Amino acid sequence: TRLVRDNQTLVIEDLTVRNMVKTHTLARAISDAGWRQFRSMLEYKADWHGRNLVVVDRWFPSSKLCSACGALAEKMPLNVRAWTCRCGITHDRDVNAARNILAEGLSAAACGAGVRPRRANARTRRPASKQEHPRATKGIPAP
């Protein structure tokens, strides 16, 4: 309740708990966490208090994306807990993922698009975050 009351927008990641439980070393801890119940509580309390709950797609590369420069790491197994980007910044995997999820969720809430992996819109061939119509900027020189 405190999370919902203190924040206008909450951003969470859509996780497939069913697939995560298949990892036998973490299965018990994941099952005991009650993540589905936590999400259900956030959903109904956000509706009740008039807050926004943004759910980032599970395929968004939150752990592999550098929160400083935006570079995407090739592969990152679960045993890698800290990594250094080619820009020189060392990231804790979980803190970096939290920053990326928050940034992606807030940008989606601001432009009104859903949170999916970045790909071009089938009709316009532009990313969903590009909301401005091309005729609106026609004739204005680029900086």
N, C-alpha and C. Protein backbone atom coordinates (compact mmCIF):
# COMPACT_ATOMS: atom_id res chain seq x y z
N THR A 1 0.83 -1.19 0.00
CA THR A 1 0.00 0.00 0.00
C THR A 1 0.87 1.25 0.00
N ARG A 2 1.97 1.22 0.75
CA ARG A 2 2.86 2.38 0.80
C ARG A 2 3.48 2.66 -0.57
N LEU A 3 3.85 1.62 -1.30
CA LEU A 3 4.41 1.81 -2.64
C LEU A 3 3.42 2.53 -3.54
N VAL A 4 2.17 2.15 -3.49
CA VAL A 4 1.16 2.75 -4.35
C VAL A 4 0.83 4.16 -3.91
N ARG A 5 0.74 4.39 -2.62
CA ARG A 5 0.42 5.74 -2.14
C ARG A 5 1.53 6.74 -2.41
N ASP A 6 2.80 6.30 -2.31
CA ASP A 6 3.93 7.21 -2.43
C ASP A 6 4.38 7.48 -3.86
N ASN A 7 3.90 6.72 -4.84
CA ASN A 7 4.37 6.86 -6.21
C ASN A 7 3.19 6.99 -7.17
N GLN A 8 3.33 7.89 -8.13
CA GLN A 8 2.28 8.08 -9.13
C GLN A 8 2.31 6.96 -10.17
N THR A 9 3.52 6.52 -10.53
CA THR A 9 3.68 5.47 -11.53
C THR A 9 4.58 4.38 -10.96
N LEU A 10 4.13 3.14 -11.09
CA LEU A 10 4.91 1.98 -10.67
C LEU A 10 5.27 1.18 -11.92
N VAL A 11 6.51 0.73 -12.00
CA VAL A 11 6.95 -0.03 -13.16
C VAL A 11 7.48 -1.37 -12.67
N ILE A 12 6.93 -2.45 -13.23
CA ILE A 12 7.38 -3.80 -12.88
C ILE A 12 7.68 -4.56 -14.16
N GLU A 13 8.40 -5.65 -14.00
CA GLU A 13 8.75 -6.50 -15.14
C GLU A 13 7.82 -7.70 -15.16
N ASP A 14 7.33 -8.05 -16.33
CA ASP A 14 6.49 -9.21 -16.49
C ASP A 14 7.39 -10.45 -16.50
N LEU A 15 7.29 -11.27 -15.49
CA LEU A 15 8.14 -12.45 -15.36
C LEU A 15 7.33 -13.71 -15.56
N THR A 16 7.95 -14.72 -16.15
CA THR A 16 7.31 -16.03 -16.27
C THR A 16 7.82 -16.90 -15.14
N VAL A 17 7.08 -16.90 -14.07
CA VAL A 17 7.49 -17.66 -12.88
C VAL A 17 7.53 -19.14 -13.20
N ARG A 18 6.64 -19.61 -14.05
CA ARG A 18 6.59 -21.03 -14.41
C ARG A 18 7.92 -21.49 -15.01
N ASN A 19 8.51 -20.67 -15.87
CA ASN A 19 9.81 -21.03 -16.47
C ASN A 19 10.95 -20.86 -15.47
N MET A 20 10.83 -19.88 -14.57
CA MET A 20 11.89 -19.66 -13.60
C MET A 20 11.97 -20.79 -12.58
N VAL A 21 10.85 -21.42 -12.29
CA VAL A 21 10.83 -22.51 -11.32
C VAL A 21 11.55 -23.74 -11.87
N LYS A 22 11.73 -23.82 -13.18
CA LYS A 22 12.44 -24.95 -13.78
C LYS A 22 13.92 -24.96 -13.41
N THR A 23 14.46 -23.82 -12.98
CA THR A 23 15.83 -23.76 -12.50
C THR A 23 15.83 -24.35 -11.09
N HIS A 24 16.32 -25.57 -10.96
CA HIS A 24 16.17 -26.33 -9.72
C HIS A 24 16.87 -25.70 -8.52
N THR A 25 17.93 -24.95 -8.74
CA THR A 25 18.63 -24.36 -7.60
C THR A 25 17.86 -23.21 -6.98
N LEU A 26 16.99 -22.55 -7.76
CA LEU A 26 16.24 -21.41 -7.26
C LEU A 26 14.74 -21.68 -7.13
N ALA A 27 14.29 -22.88 -7.47
CA ALA A 27 12.86 -23.16 -7.56
C ALA A 27 12.12 -22.89 -6.25
N ARG A 28 12.68 -23.33 -5.14
CA ARG A 28 11.98 -23.16 -3.86
C ARG A 28 11.89 -21.68 -3.46
N ALA A 29 12.98 -20.95 -3.62
CA ALA A 29 12.98 -19.54 -3.27
C ALA A 29 12.01 -18.75 -4.15
N ILE A 30 11.95 -19.09 -5.43
CA ILE A 30 11.04 -18.41 -6.34
C ILE A 30 9.59 -18.73 -6.00
N SER A 31 9.32 -19.98 -5.69
CA SER A 31 7.95 -20.37 -5.34
C SER A 31 7.49 -19.73 -4.04
N ASP A 32 8.38 -19.57 -3.09
CA ASP A 32 8.02 -18.99 -1.80
C ASP A 32 7.83 -17.48 -1.86
N ALA A 33 8.34 -16.83 -2.89
CA ALA A 33 8.29 -15.37 -2.95
C ALA A 33 6.88 -14.83 -3.18
N GLY A 34 6.02 -15.56 -3.85
CA GLY A 34 4.66 -15.11 -4.09
C GLY A 34 4.57 -13.91 -5.01
N TRP A 35 5.32 -13.93 -6.12
CA TRP A 35 5.38 -12.79 -7.03
C TRP A 35 4.05 -12.51 -7.72
N ARG A 36 3.31 -13.56 -8.04
CA ARG A 36 2.02 -13.36 -8.71
C ARG A 36 1.05 -12.63 -7.78
N GLN A 37 1.04 -13.01 -6.52
CA GLN A 37 0.18 -12.35 -5.54
C GLN A 37 0.59 -10.88 -5.36
N PHE A 38 1.88 -10.62 -5.35
CA PHE A 38 2.38 -9.25 -5.23
C PHE A 38 1.91 -8.40 -6.42
N ARG A 39 2.00 -8.95 -7.61
CA ARG A 39 1.55 -8.22 -8.80
C ARG A 39 0.05 -7.97 -8.74
N SER A 40 -0.73 -8.95 -8.33
CA SER A 40 -2.18 -8.77 -8.22
C SER A 40 -2.52 -7.66 -7.23
N MET A 41 -1.81 -7.63 -6.12
CA MET A 41 -2.05 -6.57 -5.14
C MET A 41 -1.70 -5.20 -5.71
N LEU A 42 -0.57 -5.12 -6.41
CA LEU A 42 -0.19 -3.84 -7.02
C LEU A 42 -1.23 -3.38 -8.04
N GLU A 43 -1.76 -4.32 -8.83
CA GLU A 43 -2.73 -3.96 -9.86
C GLU A 43 -4.01 -3.39 -9.25
N TYR A 44 -4.57 -4.08 -8.26
CA TYR A 44 -5.84 -3.58 -7.74
C TYR A 44 -5.65 -2.34 -6.87
N LYS A 45 -4.53 -2.22 -6.17
CA LYS A 45 -4.31 -1.03 -5.36
C LYS A 45 -3.99 0.19 -6.23
N ALA A 46 -3.29 -0.03 -7.34
CA ALA A 46 -3.02 1.08 -8.26
C ALA A 46 -4.33 1.58 -8.87
N ASP A 47 -5.22 0.67 -9.23
CA ASP A 47 -6.53 1.08 -9.74
C ASP A 47 -7.33 1.82 -8.68
N TRP A 48 -7.29 1.33 -7.48
CA TRP A 48 -8.05 1.90 -6.37
C TRP A 48 -7.60 3.33 -6.05
N HIS A 49 -6.27 3.55 -6.07
CA HIS A 49 -5.72 4.87 -5.73
C HIS A 49 -5.51 5.77 -6.95
N GLY A 50 -5.87 5.30 -8.13
CA GLY A 50 -5.73 6.12 -9.33
C GLY A 50 -4.29 6.28 -9.79
N ARG A 51 -3.46 5.28 -9.59
CA ARG A 51 -2.06 5.32 -9.99
C ARG A 51 -1.85 4.50 -11.26
N ASN A 52 -0.71 4.73 -11.90
CA ASN A 52 -0.36 4.00 -13.12
C ASN A 52 0.54 2.83 -12.78
N LEU A 53 0.23 1.67 -13.32
CA LEU A 53 1.09 0.50 -13.20
C LEU A 53 1.50 0.10 -14.61
N VAL A 54 2.80 0.20 -14.89
CA VAL A 54 3.33 -0.14 -16.21
C VAL A 54 4.07 -1.47 -16.07
N VAL A 55 3.75 -2.40 -16.95
CA VAL A 55 4.39 -3.71 -16.93
C VAL A 55 5.30 -3.82 -18.15
N VAL A 56 6.60 -3.95 -17.91
CA VAL A 56 7.58 -4.06 -18.98
C VAL A 56 7.60 -5.50 -19.47
N ASP A 57 7.66 -5.68 -20.76
CA ASP A 57 7.63 -7.00 -21.37
C ASP A 57 8.80 -7.86 -20.91
N ARG A 58 8.56 -9.14 -20.78
CA ARG A 58 9.60 -10.04 -20.29
C ARG A 58 10.78 -10.18 -21.24
N TRP A 59 10.61 -9.84 -22.51
CA TRP A 59 11.70 -9.97 -23.47
C TRP A 59 12.56 -8.71 -23.56
N PHE A 60 12.22 -7.68 -22.81
CA PHE A 60 13.06 -6.48 -22.78
C PHE A 60 14.40 -6.83 -22.13
N PRO A 61 15.54 -6.54 -22.79
CA PRO A 61 16.85 -6.97 -22.26
C PRO A 61 17.35 -6.08 -21.13
N SER A 62 16.67 -6.08 -20.02
CA SER A 62 16.99 -5.15 -18.93
C SER A 62 18.34 -5.43 -18.28
N SER A 63 18.73 -6.67 -18.18
CA SER A 63 20.01 -7.00 -17.54
C SER A 63 21.20 -6.76 -18.46
N LYS A 64 21.01 -6.94 -19.76
CA LYS A 64 22.12 -6.87 -20.71
C LYS A 64 22.32 -5.48 -21.30
N LEU A 65 21.43 -4.54 -21.01
CA LEU A 65 21.50 -3.20 -21.58
C LEU A 65 22.20 -2.27 -20.60
N CYS A 66 23.22 -1.55 -21.07
CA CYS A 66 23.95 -0.61 -20.21
C CYS A 66 23.05 0.59 -19.94
N SER A 67 22.83 0.89 -18.67
CA SER A 67 21.95 2.00 -18.32
C SER A 67 22.62 3.36 -18.54
N ALA A 68 23.92 3.38 -18.79
CA ALA A 68 24.64 4.64 -19.02
C ALA A 68 24.71 4.98 -20.50
N CYS A 69 25.15 4.03 -21.34
CA CYS A 69 25.35 4.35 -22.76
C CYS A 69 24.36 3.66 -23.69
N GLY A 70 23.63 2.66 -23.21
CA GLY A 70 22.64 1.98 -24.03
C GLY A 70 23.18 0.82 -24.85
N ALA A 71 24.45 0.45 -24.64
CA ALA A 71 25.03 -0.67 -25.38
C ALA A 71 24.42 -1.98 -24.87
N LEU A 72 24.26 -2.93 -25.78
CA LEU A 72 23.68 -4.22 -25.45
C LEU A 72 24.76 -5.28 -25.41
N ALA A 73 24.88 -5.97 -24.27
CA ALA A 73 25.86 -7.06 -24.14
C ALA A 73 25.35 -8.27 -24.92
N GLU A 74 26.26 -9.04 -25.46
CA GLU A 74 25.89 -10.19 -26.29
C GLU A 74 25.17 -11.27 -25.49
N LYS A 75 25.88 -11.90 -24.58
CA LYS A 75 25.32 -12.97 -23.77
C LYS A 75 25.65 -12.70 -22.32
N MET A 76 24.75 -13.11 -21.44
CA MET A 76 24.99 -12.93 -20.02
C MET A 76 24.30 -14.05 -19.25
N PRO A 77 25.06 -15.09 -18.89
CA PRO A 77 24.47 -16.17 -18.11
C PRO A 77 24.08 -15.69 -16.72
N LEU A 78 23.23 -16.45 -16.04
CA LEU A 78 22.73 -16.05 -14.73
C LEU A 78 23.81 -15.96 -13.66
N ASN A 79 24.92 -16.65 -13.84
CA ASN A 79 25.96 -16.62 -12.82
C ASN A 79 26.78 -15.33 -12.86
N VAL A 80 26.63 -14.51 -13.90
CA VAL A 80 27.32 -13.22 -13.99
C VAL A 80 26.50 -12.21 -13.21
N ARG A 81 27.01 -11.77 -12.08
CA ARG A 81 26.28 -10.84 -11.22
C ARG A 81 26.74 -9.40 -11.41
N ALA A 82 27.95 -9.19 -11.91
CA ALA A 82 28.48 -7.86 -12.18
C ALA A 82 29.21 -7.92 -13.53
N TRP A 83 29.10 -6.84 -14.30
CA TRP A 83 29.76 -6.81 -15.60
C TRP A 83 30.17 -5.38 -15.93
N THR A 84 31.18 -5.29 -16.79
CA THR A 84 31.70 -3.99 -17.20
C THR A 84 31.36 -3.77 -18.66
N CYS A 85 30.75 -2.63 -18.93
CA CYS A 85 30.37 -2.27 -20.30
C CYS A 85 31.61 -1.76 -21.03
N ARG A 86 31.52 -1.70 -22.35
CA ARG A 86 32.65 -1.20 -23.12
C ARG A 86 32.86 0.30 -22.93
N CYS A 87 31.86 0.99 -22.33
CA CYS A 87 32.04 2.42 -22.02
C CYS A 87 32.83 2.61 -20.73
N GLY A 88 33.10 1.51 -20.00
CA GLY A 88 33.94 1.57 -18.82
C GLY A 88 33.20 1.52 -17.50
N ILE A 89 31.89 1.52 -17.50
CA ILE A 89 31.11 1.50 -16.26
C ILE A 89 30.85 0.06 -15.84
N THR A 90 31.07 -0.21 -14.55
CA THR A 90 30.79 -1.53 -14.00
C THR A 90 29.40 -1.53 -13.40
N HIS A 91 28.60 -2.52 -13.78
CA HIS A 91 27.21 -2.61 -13.35
C HIS A 91 26.99 -3.82 -12.46
N ASP A 92 26.18 -3.64 -11.42
CA ASP A 92 25.59 -4.77 -10.72
C ASP A 92 24.39 -5.17 -11.57
N ARG A 93 24.26 -6.45 -11.84
CA ARG A 93 23.23 -6.91 -12.77
C ARG A 93 21.82 -6.46 -12.36
N ASP A 94 21.47 -6.63 -11.08
CA ASP A 94 20.12 -6.32 -10.62
C ASP A 94 19.84 -4.82 -10.57
N VAL A 95 20.82 -4.04 -10.13
CA VAL A 95 20.65 -2.58 -10.07
C VAL A 95 20.53 -2.01 -11.48
N ASN A 96 21.34 -2.50 -12.39
CA ASN A 96 21.28 -2.05 -13.78
C ASN A 96 19.93 -2.40 -14.39
N ALA A 97 19.44 -3.62 -14.15
CA ALA A 97 18.14 -4.02 -14.68
C ALA A 97 17.03 -3.14 -14.12
N ALA A 98 17.10 -2.81 -12.84
CA ALA A 98 16.07 -1.95 -12.22
C ALA A 98 16.07 -0.57 -12.86
N ARG A 99 17.24 -0.02 -13.13
CA ARG A 99 17.32 1.30 -13.78
C ARG A 99 16.73 1.25 -15.19
N ASN A 100 17.05 0.19 -15.93
CA ASN A 100 16.55 0.06 -17.29
C ASN A 100 15.04 -0.15 -17.32
N ILE A 101 14.52 -0.94 -16.40
CA ILE A 101 13.07 -1.18 -16.34
C ILE A 101 12.34 0.11 -16.00
N LEU A 102 12.85 0.86 -15.05
CA LEU A 102 12.22 2.13 -14.69
C LEU A 102 12.23 3.10 -15.87
N ALA A 103 13.38 3.23 -16.54
CA ALA A 103 13.47 4.16 -17.67
C ALA A 103 12.54 3.75 -18.80
N GLU A 104 12.48 2.48 -19.11
CA GLU A 104 11.62 2.00 -20.20
C GLU A 104 10.15 2.17 -19.85
N GLY A 105 9.79 1.87 -18.61
CA GLY A 105 8.40 2.02 -18.19
C GLY A 105 7.96 3.47 -18.18
N LEU A 106 8.81 4.37 -17.70
CA LEU A 106 8.45 5.78 -17.67
C LEU A 106 8.37 6.37 -19.07
N SER A 107 9.25 5.94 -19.97
CA SER A 107 9.17 6.44 -21.34
C SER A 107 7.91 5.93 -22.04
N ALA A 108 7.52 4.70 -21.76
CA ALA A 108 6.29 4.17 -22.35
C ALA A 108 5.07 4.88 -21.78
N ALA A 109 5.09 5.19 -20.49
CA ALA A 109 3.97 5.90 -19.87
C ALA A 109 3.87 7.31 -20.42
N ALA A 110 5.01 7.93 -20.74
CA ALA A 110 5.02 9.30 -21.24
C ALA A 110 4.49 9.39 -22.67
N CYS A 111 4.85 8.41 -23.51
CA CYS A 111 4.44 8.51 -24.92
C CYS A 111 3.20 7.69 -25.22
N GLY A 112 2.73 6.90 -24.28
CA GLY A 112 1.49 6.16 -24.47
C GLY A 112 1.64 4.87 -25.23
N ALA A 113 2.84 4.44 -25.51
CA ALA A 113 3.04 3.19 -26.23
C ALA A 113 3.19 2.04 -25.25
N GLY A 114 2.97 0.84 -25.70
CA GLY A 114 3.20 -0.33 -24.88
C GLY A 114 4.68 -0.59 -24.73
N VAL A 115 5.03 -1.39 -23.75
CA VAL A 115 6.44 -1.68 -23.52
C VAL A 115 6.74 -3.03 -24.13
N ARG A 116 7.33 -3.02 -25.30
CA ARG A 116 7.74 -4.21 -26.03
C ARG A 116 9.17 -3.99 -26.48
N PRO A 117 9.86 -5.04 -26.92
CA PRO A 117 11.19 -4.83 -27.47
C PRO A 117 11.13 -3.85 -28.63
N ARG A 118 12.17 -3.07 -28.80
CA ARG A 118 12.16 -2.02 -29.81
C ARG A 118 12.14 -2.60 -31.20
N ARG A 119 11.08 -2.33 -31.91
CA ARG A 119 10.99 -2.70 -33.30
C ARG A 119 10.11 -1.70 -34.01
N ALA A 120 10.24 -1.62 -35.30
CA ALA A 120 9.51 -0.60 -36.05
C ALA A 120 8.03 -0.95 -36.11
N ASN A 121 7.21 0.07 -36.16
CA ASN A 121 5.78 -0.10 -36.33
C ASN A 121 5.57 -0.65 -37.74
N ALA A 122 4.71 -1.62 -37.89
CA ALA A 122 4.51 -2.27 -39.18
C ALA A 122 3.97 -1.29 -40.23
N ARG A 123 3.15 -0.34 -39.80
CA ARG A 123 2.54 0.58 -40.75
C ARG A 123 3.47 1.72 -41.12
N THR A 124 4.12 2.32 -40.14
CA THR A 124 4.92 3.51 -40.40
C THR A 124 6.42 3.24 -40.48
N ARG A 125 6.84 2.05 -40.09
CA ARG A 125 8.26 1.67 -40.07
C ARG A 125 9.07 2.54 -39.12
N ARG A 126 8.43 3.11 -38.09
CA ARG A 126 9.11 3.91 -37.09
C ARG A 126 8.86 3.28 -35.73
N PRO A 127 9.76 3.48 -34.75
CA PRO A 127 9.51 2.95 -33.41
C PRO A 127 8.27 3.58 -32.80
N ALA A 128 7.66 2.86 -31.86
CA ALA A 128 6.42 3.33 -31.24
C ALA A 128 6.64 4.61 -30.45
N SER A 129 7.85 4.86 -29.98
CA SER A 129 8.11 6.05 -29.18
C SER A 129 8.10 7.32 -30.02
N LYS A 130 8.19 7.21 -31.32
CA LYS A 130 8.16 8.38 -32.21
C LYS A 130 6.70 8.74 -32.47
N GLN A 131 6.20 9.72 -31.73
CA GLN A 131 4.79 10.07 -31.80
C GLN A 131 4.51 11.23 -32.75
N GLU A 132 5.51 12.03 -33.04
CA GLU A 132 5.31 13.23 -33.83
C GLU A 132 5.12 12.88 -35.30
N HIS A 133 4.14 13.49 -35.93
CA HIS A 133 3.87 13.26 -37.34
C HIS A 133 4.96 13.94 -38.16
N PRO A 134 5.46 13.32 -39.23
CA PRO A 134 6.56 13.92 -39.99
C PRO A 134 6.22 15.27 -40.60
N ARG A 135 4.94 15.52 -40.92
CA ARG A 135 4.56 16.81 -41.49
C ARG A 135 4.67 17.94 -40.47
N ALA A 136 4.66 17.61 -39.18
CA ALA A 136 4.74 18.64 -38.16
C ALA A 136 6.12 19.29 -38.13
N THR A 137 7.16 18.58 -38.53
CA THR A 137 8.52 19.12 -38.49
C THR A 137 9.06 19.41 -39.88
N LYS A 138 8.25 19.31 -40.91
CA LYS A 138 8.71 19.54 -42.28
C LYS A 138 9.16 21.00 -42.43
N GLY A 139 10.35 21.19 -42.98
CA GLY A 139 10.87 22.53 -43.21
C GLY A 139 11.69 23.07 -42.07
N ILE A 140 11.71 22.40 -40.90
CA ILE A 140 12.51 22.85 -39.78
C ILE A 140 13.87 22.19 -39.89
N PRO A 141 14.96 22.96 -39.97
CA PRO A 141 16.28 22.35 -40.13
C PRO A 141 16.67 21.58 -38.86
N ALA A 142 17.35 20.47 -39.05
CA ALA A 142 17.83 19.65 -37.94
C ALA A 142 19.04 20.34 -37.30
N PRO A 143 19.19 20.24 -35.97
CA PRO A 143 20.34 20.88 -35.31
C PRO A 143 21.65 20.26 -35.67
